[in-house]
Amino acid sequence: MKKTMILYDLKNKGKVEKTHIVRSLFGYTDKSNHGDYAYDREGLLSKFKHEKIDKSVIVVNRKDELQVKKVLRKFGLNLMMIRLPDKRH
């Protein structure tokens, strides 16, 4: 399957905005009633296969790249997309 590496830049974002962006991408566990209950909140990347390479580098299937790009652009992030060669031999 063809893949795309997406690099995004969080440098100019505040702590709260960074948290919001990361949660939108990867999801989080929401705890209520002093930790008695926990709810998993899905992020965009919960819906399809991905690899997190580094803090701000992810690899997704090429068919899913547009969805990820839209979310990152919505937050006003600078990003670089690198289309990786197909690994078929």
PDB file of N, CA and C in Angstrom:
ATOM      1  N   MET A   1       0.842  -1.175   0.000  1.00  0.00           N
ATOM      2  CA  MET A   1       0.000   0.000   0.000  1.00  0.00           C
ATOM      3  C   MET A   1       0.891   1.243   0.000  1.00  0.00           C
ATOM      4  N   LYS A   2       0.504   2.223  -0.783  1.00  0.00           N
ATOM      5  CA  LYS A   2       1.267   3.470  -0.863  1.00  0.00           C
ATOM      6  C   LYS A   2       1.042   4.279   0.410  1.00  0.00           C
ATOM      7  N   LYS A   3       2.109   4.911   0.890  1.00  0.00           N
ATOM      8  CA  LYS A   3       2.045   5.651   2.148  1.00  0.00           C
ATOM      9  C   LYS A   3       2.564   7.073   1.969  1.00  0.00           C
ATOM     10  N   THR A   4       2.145   7.936   2.886  1.00  0.00           N
ATOM     11  CA  THR A   4       2.592   9.327   2.900  1.00  0.00           C
ATOM     12  C   THR A   4       3.085   9.667   4.302  1.00  0.00           C
ATOM     13  N   MET A   5       4.259  10.297   4.371  1.00  0.00           N
ATOM     14  CA  MET A   5       4.794  10.779   5.640  1.00  0.00           C
ATOM     15  C   MET A   5       4.387  12.246   5.780  1.00  0.00           C
ATOM     16  N   ILE A   6       3.789  12.574   6.919  1.00  0.00           N
ATOM     17  CA  ILE A   6       3.329  13.944   7.155  1.00  0.00           C
ATOM     18  C   ILE A   6       4.092  14.511   8.342  1.00  0.00           C
ATOM     19  N   LEU A   7       4.775  15.614   8.117  1.00  0.00           N
ATOM     20  CA  LEU A   7       5.509  16.317   9.161  1.00  0.00           C
ATOM     21  C   LEU A   7       4.766  17.616   9.434  1.00  0.00           C
ATOM     22  N   TYR A   8       4.486  17.891  10.704  1.00  0.00           N
ATOM     23  CA  TYR A   8       3.771  19.114  11.045  1.00  0.00           C
ATOM     24  C   TYR A   8       4.530  19.868  12.136  1.00  0.00           C
ATOM     25  N   ASP A   9       4.333  21.173  12.179  1.00  0.00           N
ATOM     26  CA  ASP A   9       5.093  22.058  13.051  1.00  0.00           C
ATOM     27  C   ASP A   9       4.191  22.672  14.114  1.00  0.00           C
ATOM     28  N   LEU A  10       4.484  22.404  15.385  1.00  0.00           N
ATOM     29  CA  LEU A  10       3.702  22.947  16.501  1.00  0.00           C
ATOM     30  C   LEU A  10       4.425  24.080  17.229  1.00  0.00           C
ATOM     31  N   LYS A  11       5.533  24.566  16.693  1.00  0.00           N
ATOM     32  CA  LYS A  11       6.386  25.546  17.385  1.00  0.00           C
ATOM     33  C   LYS A  11       5.656  26.802  17.831  1.00  0.00           C
ATOM     34  N   ASN A  12       4.814  27.346  16.993  1.00  0.00           N
ATOM     35  CA  ASN A  12       4.180  28.629  17.307  1.00  0.00           C
ATOM     36  C   ASN A  12       2.833  28.489  17.995  1.00  0.00           C
ATOM     37  N   LYS A  13       2.559  27.323  18.555  1.00  0.00           N
ATOM     38  CA  LYS A  13       1.282  27.081  19.216  1.00  0.00           C
ATOM     39  C   LYS A  13       1.475  27.049  20.725  1.00  0.00           C
ATOM     40  N   GLY A  14       0.467  27.515  21.445  1.00  0.00           N
ATOM     41  CA  GLY A  14       0.508  27.485  22.902  1.00  0.00           C
ATOM     42  C   GLY A  14       0.226  26.083  23.429  1.00  0.00           C
ATOM     43  N   LYS A  15       0.431  25.907  24.719  1.00  0.00           N
ATOM     44  CA  LYS A  15       0.277  24.589  25.349  1.00  0.00           C
ATOM     45  C   LYS A  15      -1.146  24.039  25.177  1.00  0.00           C
ATOM     46  N   VAL A  16      -2.150  24.870  25.395  1.00  0.00           N
ATOM     47  CA  VAL A  16      -3.545  24.442  25.280  1.00  0.00           C
ATOM     48  C   VAL A  16      -3.868  24.052  23.840  1.00  0.00           C
ATOM     49  N   GLU A  17      -3.399  24.857  22.891  1.00  0.00           N
ATOM     50  CA  GLU A  17      -3.674  24.566  21.478  1.00  0.00           C
ATOM     51  C   GLU A  17      -2.961  23.288  21.027  1.00  0.00           C
ATOM     52  N   LYS A  18      -1.732  23.074  21.496  1.00  0.00           N
ATOM     53  CA  LYS A  18      -1.012  21.835  21.175  1.00  0.00           C
ATOM     54  C   LYS A  18      -1.781  20.625  21.682  1.00  0.00           C
ATOM     55  N   THR A  19      -2.283  20.715  22.913  1.00  0.00           N
ATOM     56  CA  THR A  19      -3.048  19.617  23.496  1.00  0.00           C
ATOM     57  C   THR A  19      -4.294  19.340  22.659  1.00  0.00           C
ATOM     58  N   HIS A  20      -4.973  20.389  22.233  1.00  0.00           N
ATOM     59  CA  HIS A  20      -6.187  20.238  21.423  1.00  0.00           C
ATOM     60  C   HIS A  20      -5.873  19.556  20.091  1.00  0.00           C
ATOM     61  N   ILE A  21      -4.768  19.932  19.466  1.00  0.00           N
ATOM     62  CA  ILE A  21      -4.368  19.358  18.182  1.00  0.00           C
ATOM     63  C   ILE A  21      -4.039  17.871  18.342  1.00  0.00           C
ATOM     64  N   VAL A  22      -3.230  17.549  19.343  1.00  0.00           N
ATOM     65  CA  VAL A  22      -2.824  16.156  19.565  1.00  0.00           C
ATOM     66  C   VAL A  22      -4.029  15.286  19.896  1.00  0.00           C
ATOM     67  N   ARG A  23      -4.933  15.803  20.716  1.00  0.00           N
ATOM     68  CA  ARG A  23      -6.143  15.039  21.052  1.00  0.00           C
ATOM     69  C   ARG A  23      -7.026  14.841  19.830  1.00  0.00           C
ATOM     70  N   SER A  24      -7.109  15.839  18.964  1.00  0.00           N
ATOM     71  CA  SER A  24      -7.916  15.703  17.747  1.00  0.00           C
ATOM     72  C   SER A  24      -7.351  14.622  16.828  1.00  0.00           C
ATOM     73  N   LEU A  25      -6.035  14.505  16.810  1.00  0.00           N
ATOM     74  CA  LEU A  25      -5.407  13.493  15.962  1.00  0.00           C
ATOM     75  C   LEU A  25      -5.442  12.100  16.575  1.00  0.00           C
ATOM     76  N   PHE A  26      -4.987  11.986  17.825  1.00  0.00           N
ATOM     77  CA  PHE A  26      -4.740  10.678  18.417  1.00  0.00           C
ATOM     78  C   PHE A  26      -5.793  10.221  19.424  1.00  0.00           C
ATOM     79  N   GLY A  27      -6.668  11.123  19.848  1.00  0.00           N
ATOM     80  CA  GLY A  27      -7.658  10.771  20.850  1.00  0.00           C
ATOM     81  C   GLY A  27      -7.074  10.873  22.253  1.00  0.00           C
ATOM     82  N   TYR A  28      -7.883  10.545  23.266  1.00  0.00           N
ATOM     83  CA  TYR A  28      -7.443  10.633  24.654  1.00  0.00           C
ATOM     84  C   TYR A  28      -8.429   9.891  25.544  1.00  0.00           C
ATOM     85  N   THR A  29      -8.048   9.689  26.782  1.00  0.00           N
ATOM     86  CA  THR A  29      -8.930   9.068  27.759  1.00  0.00           C
ATOM     87  C   THR A  29      -9.471  10.166  28.672  1.00  0.00           C
ATOM     88  N   ASP A  30     -10.776  10.284  28.717  1.00  0.00           N
ATOM     89  CA  ASP A  30     -11.462  11.297  29.515  1.00  0.00           C
ATOM     90  C   ASP A  30     -11.874  10.649  30.839  1.00  0.00           C
ATOM     91  N   LYS A  31     -11.427  11.213  31.946  1.00  0.00           N
ATOM     92  CA  LYS A  31     -11.769  10.648  33.255  1.00  0.00           C
ATOM     93  C   LYS A  31     -12.724  11.597  33.978  1.00  0.00           C
ATOM     94  N   SER A  32     -13.746  10.997  34.607  1.00  0.00           N
ATOM     95  CA  SER A  32     -14.714  11.824  35.317  1.00  0.00           C
ATOM     96  C   SER A  32     -14.953  11.268  36.712  1.00  0.00           C
ATOM     97  N   ASN A  33     -15.598  12.068  37.541  1.00  0.00           N
ATOM     98  CA  ASN A  33     -15.912  11.686  38.915  1.00  0.00           C
ATOM     99  C   ASN A  33     -14.655  11.254  39.673  1.00  0.00           C
ATOM    100  N   HIS A  34     -13.631  12.088  39.602  1.00  0.00           N
ATOM    101  CA  HIS A  34     -12.359  11.849  40.300  1.00  0.00           C
ATOM    102  C   HIS A  34     -11.698  10.542  39.879  1.00  0.00           C
ATOM    103  N   GLY A  35     -11.799  10.193  38.593  1.00  0.00           N
ATOM    104  CA  GLY A  35     -11.140   9.015  38.063  1.00  0.00           C
ATOM    105  C   GLY A  35     -11.920   7.727  38.197  1.00  0.00           C
ATOM    106  N   ASP A  36     -13.146   7.794  38.712  1.00  0.00           N
ATOM    107  CA  ASP A  36     -13.952   6.576  38.844  1.00  0.00           C
ATOM    108  C   ASP A  36     -14.392   6.023  37.489  1.00  0.00           C
ATOM    109  N   TYR A  37     -14.572   6.911  36.514  1.00  0.00           N
ATOM    110  CA  TYR A  37     -15.009   6.499  35.198  1.00  0.00           C
ATOM    111  C   TYR A  37     -14.014   6.984  34.160  1.00  0.00           C
ATOM    112  N   ALA A  38     -13.789   6.172  33.138  1.00  0.00           N
ATOM    113  CA  ALA A  38     -12.883   6.559  32.056  1.00  0.00           C
ATOM    114  C   ALA A  38     -13.570   6.292  30.722  1.00  0.00           C
ATOM    115  N   TYR A  39     -13.478   7.258  29.839  1.00  0.00           N
ATOM    116  CA  TYR A  39     -14.071   7.149  28.520  1.00  0.00           C
ATOM    117  C   TYR A  39     -12.989   7.410  27.481  1.00  0.00           C
ATOM    118  N   ASP A  40     -12.855   6.490  26.528  1.00  0.00           N
ATOM    119  CA  ASP A  40     -11.901   6.694  25.439  1.00  0.00           C
ATOM    120  C   ASP A  40     -12.545   7.557  24.366  1.00  0.00           C
ATOM    121  N   ARG A  41     -11.925   8.665  24.086  1.00  0.00           N
ATOM    122  CA  ARG A  41     -12.396   9.573  23.036  1.00  0.00           C
ATOM    123  C   ARG A  41     -11.506   9.360  21.817  1.00  0.00           C
ATOM    124  N   GLU A  42     -12.111   9.015  20.706  1.00  0.00           N
ATOM    125  CA  GLU A  42     -11.341   8.732  19.506  1.00  0.00           C
ATOM    126  C   GLU A  42     -10.862  10.005  18.831  1.00  0.00           C
ATOM    127  N   GLY A  43      -9.697   9.915  18.221  1.00  0.00           N
ATOM    128  CA  GLY A  43      -9.173  10.970  17.386  1.00  0.00           C
ATOM    129  C   GLY A  43      -9.294  10.557  15.930  1.00  0.00           C
ATOM    130  N   LEU A  44      -8.915  11.436  15.045  1.00  0.00           N
ATOM    131  CA  LEU A  44      -9.007  11.146  13.615  1.00  0.00           C
ATOM    132  C   LEU A  44      -8.224   9.885  13.254  1.00  0.00           C
ATOM    133  N   LEU A  45      -7.028   9.737  13.801  1.00  0.00           N
ATOM    134  CA  LEU A  45      -6.176   8.617  13.424  1.00  0.00           C
ATOM    135  C   LEU A  45      -6.629   7.294  14.033  1.00  0.00           C
ATOM    136  N   SER A  46      -7.602   7.331  14.929  1.00  0.00           N
ATOM    137  CA  SER A  46      -8.160   6.092  15.478  1.00  0.00           C
ATOM    138  C   SER A  46      -8.955   5.346  14.418  1.00  0.00           C
ATOM    139  N   LYS A  47      -9.331   6.044  13.364  1.00  0.00           N
ATOM    140  CA  LYS A  47     -10.197   5.473  12.340  1.00  0.00           C
ATOM    141  C   LYS A  47      -9.444   4.660  11.288  1.00  0.00           C
ATOM    142  N   PHE A  48      -8.135   4.856  11.179  1.00  0.00           N
ATOM    143  CA  PHE A  48      -7.384   4.118  10.178  1.00  0.00           C
ATOM    144  C   PHE A  48      -5.946   3.880  10.634  1.00  0.00           C
ATOM    145  N   LYS A  49      -5.249   2.987   9.902  1.00  0.00           N
ATOM    146  CA  LYS A  49      -3.877   2.619  10.257  1.00  0.00           C
ATOM    147  C   LYS A  49      -2.945   3.810  10.107  1.00  0.00           C
ATOM    148  N   HIS A  50      -2.039   3.930  11.060  1.00  0.00           N
ATOM    149  CA  HIS A  50      -1.033   4.986  10.993  1.00  0.00           C
ATOM    150  C   HIS A  50       0.172   4.564  11.826  1.00  0.00           C
ATOM    151  N   GLU A  51       1.281   5.233  11.610  1.00  0.00           N
ATOM    152  CA  GLU A  51       2.473   5.038  12.417  1.00  0.00           C
ATOM    153  C   GLU A  51       2.930   6.405  12.905  1.00  0.00           C
ATOM    154  N   LYS A  52       3.215   6.508  14.190  1.00  0.00           N
ATOM    155  CA  LYS A  52       3.768   7.745  14.727  1.00  0.00           C
ATOM    156  C   LYS A  52       5.282   7.552  14.779  1.00  0.00           C
ATOM    157  N   ILE A  53       5.991   8.272  13.957  1.00  0.00           N
ATOM    158  CA  ILE A  53       7.436   8.114  13.822  1.00  0.00           C
ATOM    159  C   ILE A  53       8.177   8.938  14.867  1.00  0.00           C
ATOM    160  N   ASP A  54       7.719  10.160  15.091  1.00  0.00           N
ATOM    161  CA  ASP A  54       8.343  11.076  16.039  1.00  0.00           C
ATOM    162  C   ASP A  54       7.238  11.969  16.594  1.00  0.00           C
ATOM    163  N   LYS A  55       7.618  12.967  17.402  1.00  0.00           N
ATOM    164  CA  LYS A  55       6.616  13.843  18.017  1.00  0.00           C
ATOM    165  C   LYS A  55       5.657  14.461  17.009  1.00  0.00           C
ATOM    166  N   SER A  56       6.168  14.884  15.890  1.00  0.00           N
ATOM    167  CA  SER A  56       5.303  15.552  14.914  1.00  0.00           C
ATOM    168  C   SER A  56       5.456  14.950  13.521  1.00  0.00           C
ATOM    169  N   VAL A  57       5.634  13.637  13.476  1.00  0.00           N
ATOM    170  CA  VAL A  57       5.765  12.926  12.196  1.00  0.00           C
ATOM    171  C   VAL A  57       4.884  11.682  12.235  1.00  0.00           C
ATOM    172  N   ILE A  58       3.981  11.582  11.274  1.00  0.00           N
ATOM    173  CA  ILE A  58       3.135  10.401  11.178  1.00  0.00           C
ATOM    174  C   ILE A  58       3.162   9.873   9.745  1.00  0.00           C
ATOM    175  N   VAL A  59       2.923   8.576   9.603  1.00  0.00           N
ATOM    176  CA  VAL A  59       2.831   7.950   8.288  1.00  0.00           C
ATOM    177  C   VAL A  59       1.439   7.349   8.177  1.00  0.00           C
ATOM    178  N   VAL A  60       0.757   7.692   7.096  1.00  0.00           N
ATOM    179  CA  VAL A  60      -0.595   7.178   6.856  1.00  0.00           C
ATOM    180  C   VAL A  60      -0.663   6.606   5.449  1.00  0.00           C
ATOM    181  N   ASN A  61      -1.682   5.800   5.193  1.00  0.00           N
ATOM    182  CA  ASN A  61      -1.912   5.316   3.837  1.00  0.00           C
ATOM    183  C   ASN A  61      -2.285   6.503   2.958  1.00  0.00           C
ATOM    184  N   ARG A  62      -1.881   6.446   1.721  1.00  0.00           N
ATOM    185  CA  ARG A  62      -2.101   7.574   0.810  1.00  0.00           C
ATOM    186  C   ARG A  62      -3.575   7.927   0.692  1.00  0.00           C
ATOM    187  N   LYS A  63      -4.459   6.933   0.772  1.00  0.00           N
ATOM    188  CA  LYS A  63      -5.896   7.208   0.629  1.00  0.00           C
ATOM    189  C   LYS A  63      -6.442   8.018   1.809  1.00  0.00           C
ATOM    190  N   ASP A  64      -5.726   8.052   2.933  1.00  0.00           N
ATOM    191  CA  ASP A  64      -6.184   8.769   4.125  1.00  0.00           C
ATOM    192  C   ASP A  64      -5.498  10.127   4.315  1.00  0.00           C
ATOM    193  N   GLU A  65      -4.546  10.437   3.462  1.00  0.00           N
ATOM    194  CA  GLU A  65      -3.745  11.653   3.666  1.00  0.00           C
ATOM    195  C   GLU A  65      -4.578  12.932   3.603  1.00  0.00           C
ATOM    196  N   LEU A  66      -5.584  12.976   2.755  1.00  0.00           N
ATOM    197  CA  LEU A  66      -6.382  14.196   2.597  1.00  0.00           C
ATOM    198  C   LEU A  66      -7.122  14.548   3.890  1.00  0.00           C
ATOM    199  N   GLN A  67      -7.666  13.547   4.563  1.00  0.00           N
ATOM    200  CA  GLN A  67      -8.376  13.801   5.825  1.00  0.00           C
ATOM    201  C   GLN A  67      -7.436  14.383   6.873  1.00  0.00           C
ATOM    202  N   VAL A  68      -6.242  13.815   6.972  1.00  0.00           N
ATOM    203  CA  VAL A  68      -5.265  14.301   7.954  1.00  0.00           C
ATOM    204  C   VAL A  68      -4.825  15.719   7.586  1.00  0.00           C
ATOM    205  N   LYS A  69      -4.593  15.952   6.316  1.00  0.00           N
ATOM    206  CA  LYS A  69      -4.172  17.274   5.847  1.00  0.00           C
ATOM    207  C   LYS A  69      -5.225  18.333   6.188  1.00  0.00           C
ATOM    208  N   LYS A  70      -6.498  18.004   5.997  1.00  0.00           N
ATOM    209  CA  LYS A  70      -7.578  18.955   6.295  1.00  0.00           C
ATOM    210  C   LYS A  70      -7.589  19.336   7.778  1.00  0.00           C
ATOM    211  N   VAL A  71      -7.418  18.351   8.651  1.00  0.00           N
ATOM    212  CA  VAL A  71      -7.431  18.622  10.095  1.00  0.00           C
ATOM    213  C   VAL A  71      -6.237  19.482  10.479  1.00  0.00           C
ATOM    214  N   LEU A  72      -5.064  19.155   9.979  1.00  0.00           N
ATOM    215  CA  LEU A  72      -3.872  19.936  10.319  1.00  0.00           C
ATOM    216  C   LEU A  72      -3.964  21.362   9.780  1.00  0.00           C
ATOM    217  N   ARG A  73      -4.498  21.519   8.581  1.00  0.00           N
ATOM    218  CA  ARG A  73      -4.669  22.864   8.003  1.00  0.00           C
ATOM    219  C   ARG A  73      -5.707  23.671   8.785  1.00  0.00           C
ATOM    220  N   LYS A  74      -6.730  22.979   9.303  1.00  0.00           N
ATOM    221  CA  LYS A  74      -7.772  23.649  10.094  1.00  0.00           C
ATOM    222  C   LYS A  74      -7.153  24.356  11.307  1.00  0.00           C
ATOM    223  N   PHE A  75      -6.105  23.755  11.863  1.00  0.00           N
ATOM    224  CA  PHE A  75      -5.414  24.351  13.003  1.00  0.00           C
ATOM    225  C   PHE A  75      -4.332  25.341  12.574  1.00  0.00           C
ATOM    226  N   GLY A  76      -4.184  25.572  11.281  1.00  0.00           N
ATOM    227  CA  GLY A  76      -3.218  26.541  10.781  1.00  0.00           C
ATOM    228  C   GLY A  76      -1.776  26.085  10.894  1.00  0.00           C
ATOM    229  N   LEU A  77      -1.553  24.790  10.801  1.00  0.00           N
ATOM    230  CA  LEU A  77      -0.200  24.261  10.945  1.00  0.00           C
ATOM    231  C   LEU A  77       0.543  24.251   9.614  1.00  0.00           C
ATOM    232  N   ASN A  78       1.850  24.487   9.686  1.00  0.00           N
ATOM    233  CA  ASN A  78       2.704  24.278   8.533  1.00  0.00           C
ATOM    234  C   ASN A  78       2.974  22.786   8.457  1.00  0.00           C
ATOM    235  N   LEU A  79       2.864  22.228   7.264  1.00  0.00           N
ATOM    236  CA  LEU A  79       3.136  20.808   7.146  1.00  0.00           C
ATOM    237  C   LEU A  79       3.854  20.489   5.859  1.00  0.00           C
ATOM    238  N   MET A  80       4.534  19.350   5.893  1.00  0.00           N
ATOM    239  CA  MET A  80       5.238  18.847   4.728  1.00  0.00           C
ATOM    240  C   MET A  80       4.767  17.417   4.509  1.00  0.00           C
ATOM    241  N   MET A  81       4.443  17.109   3.275  1.00  0.00           N
ATOM    242  CA  MET A  81       3.974  15.764   2.954  1.00  0.00           C
ATOM    243  C   MET A  81       4.976  15.124   2.004  1.00  0.00           C
ATOM    244  N   ILE A  82       5.413  13.924   2.366  1.00  0.00           N
ATOM    245  CA  ILE A  82       6.380  13.196   1.547  1.00  0.00           C
ATOM    246  C   ILE A  82       5.739  11.880   1.148  1.00  0.00           C
ATOM    247  N   ARG A  83       5.560  11.692  -0.113  1.00  0.00           N
ATOM    248  CA  ARG A  83       4.985  10.430  -0.591  1.00  0.00           C
ATOM    249  C   ARG A  83       6.104   9.385  -0.667  1.00  0.00           C
ATOM    250  N   LEU A  84       5.922   8.329   0.071  1.00  0.00           N
ATOM    251  CA  LEU A  84       6.928   7.278   0.160  1.00  0.00           C
ATOM    252  C   LEU A  84       6.751   6.299  -0.990  1.00  0.00           C
ATOM    253  N   PRO A  85       7.882   5.758  -1.487  1.00  0.00           N
ATOM    254  CA  PRO A  85       7.773   4.792  -2.590  1.00  0.00           C
ATOM    255  C   PRO A  85       7.096   3.512  -2.118  1.00  0.00           C
ATOM    256  N   ASP A  86       6.413   2.871  -3.033  1.00  0.00           N
ATOM    257  CA  ASP A  86       5.739   1.600  -2.748  1.00  0.00           C
ATOM    258  C   ASP A  86       6.796   0.538  -2.469  1.00  0.00           C
ATOM    259  N   LYS A  87       6.573  -0.306  -1.441  1.00  0.00           N
ATOM    260  CA  LYS A  87       7.573  -1.304  -1.035  1.00  0.00           C
ATOM    261  C   LYS A  87       7.420  -2.641  -1.760  1.00  0.00           C
ATOM    262  N   ARG A  88       6.602  -2.707  -2.775  1.00  0.00           N
ATOM    263  CA  ARG A  88       6.445  -3.961  -3.510  1.00  0.00           C
ATOM    264  C   ARG A  88       7.728  -4.290  -4.260  1.00  0.00           C
ATOM    265  N   HIS A  89       8.109  -5.542  -4.230  1.00  0.00           N
ATOM    266  CA  HIS A  89       9.331  -5.957  -4.930  1.00  0.00           C
ATOM    267  C   HIS A  89       9.004  -6.895  -6.054  1.00  0.00           C
TER     268      HIS A  89
END
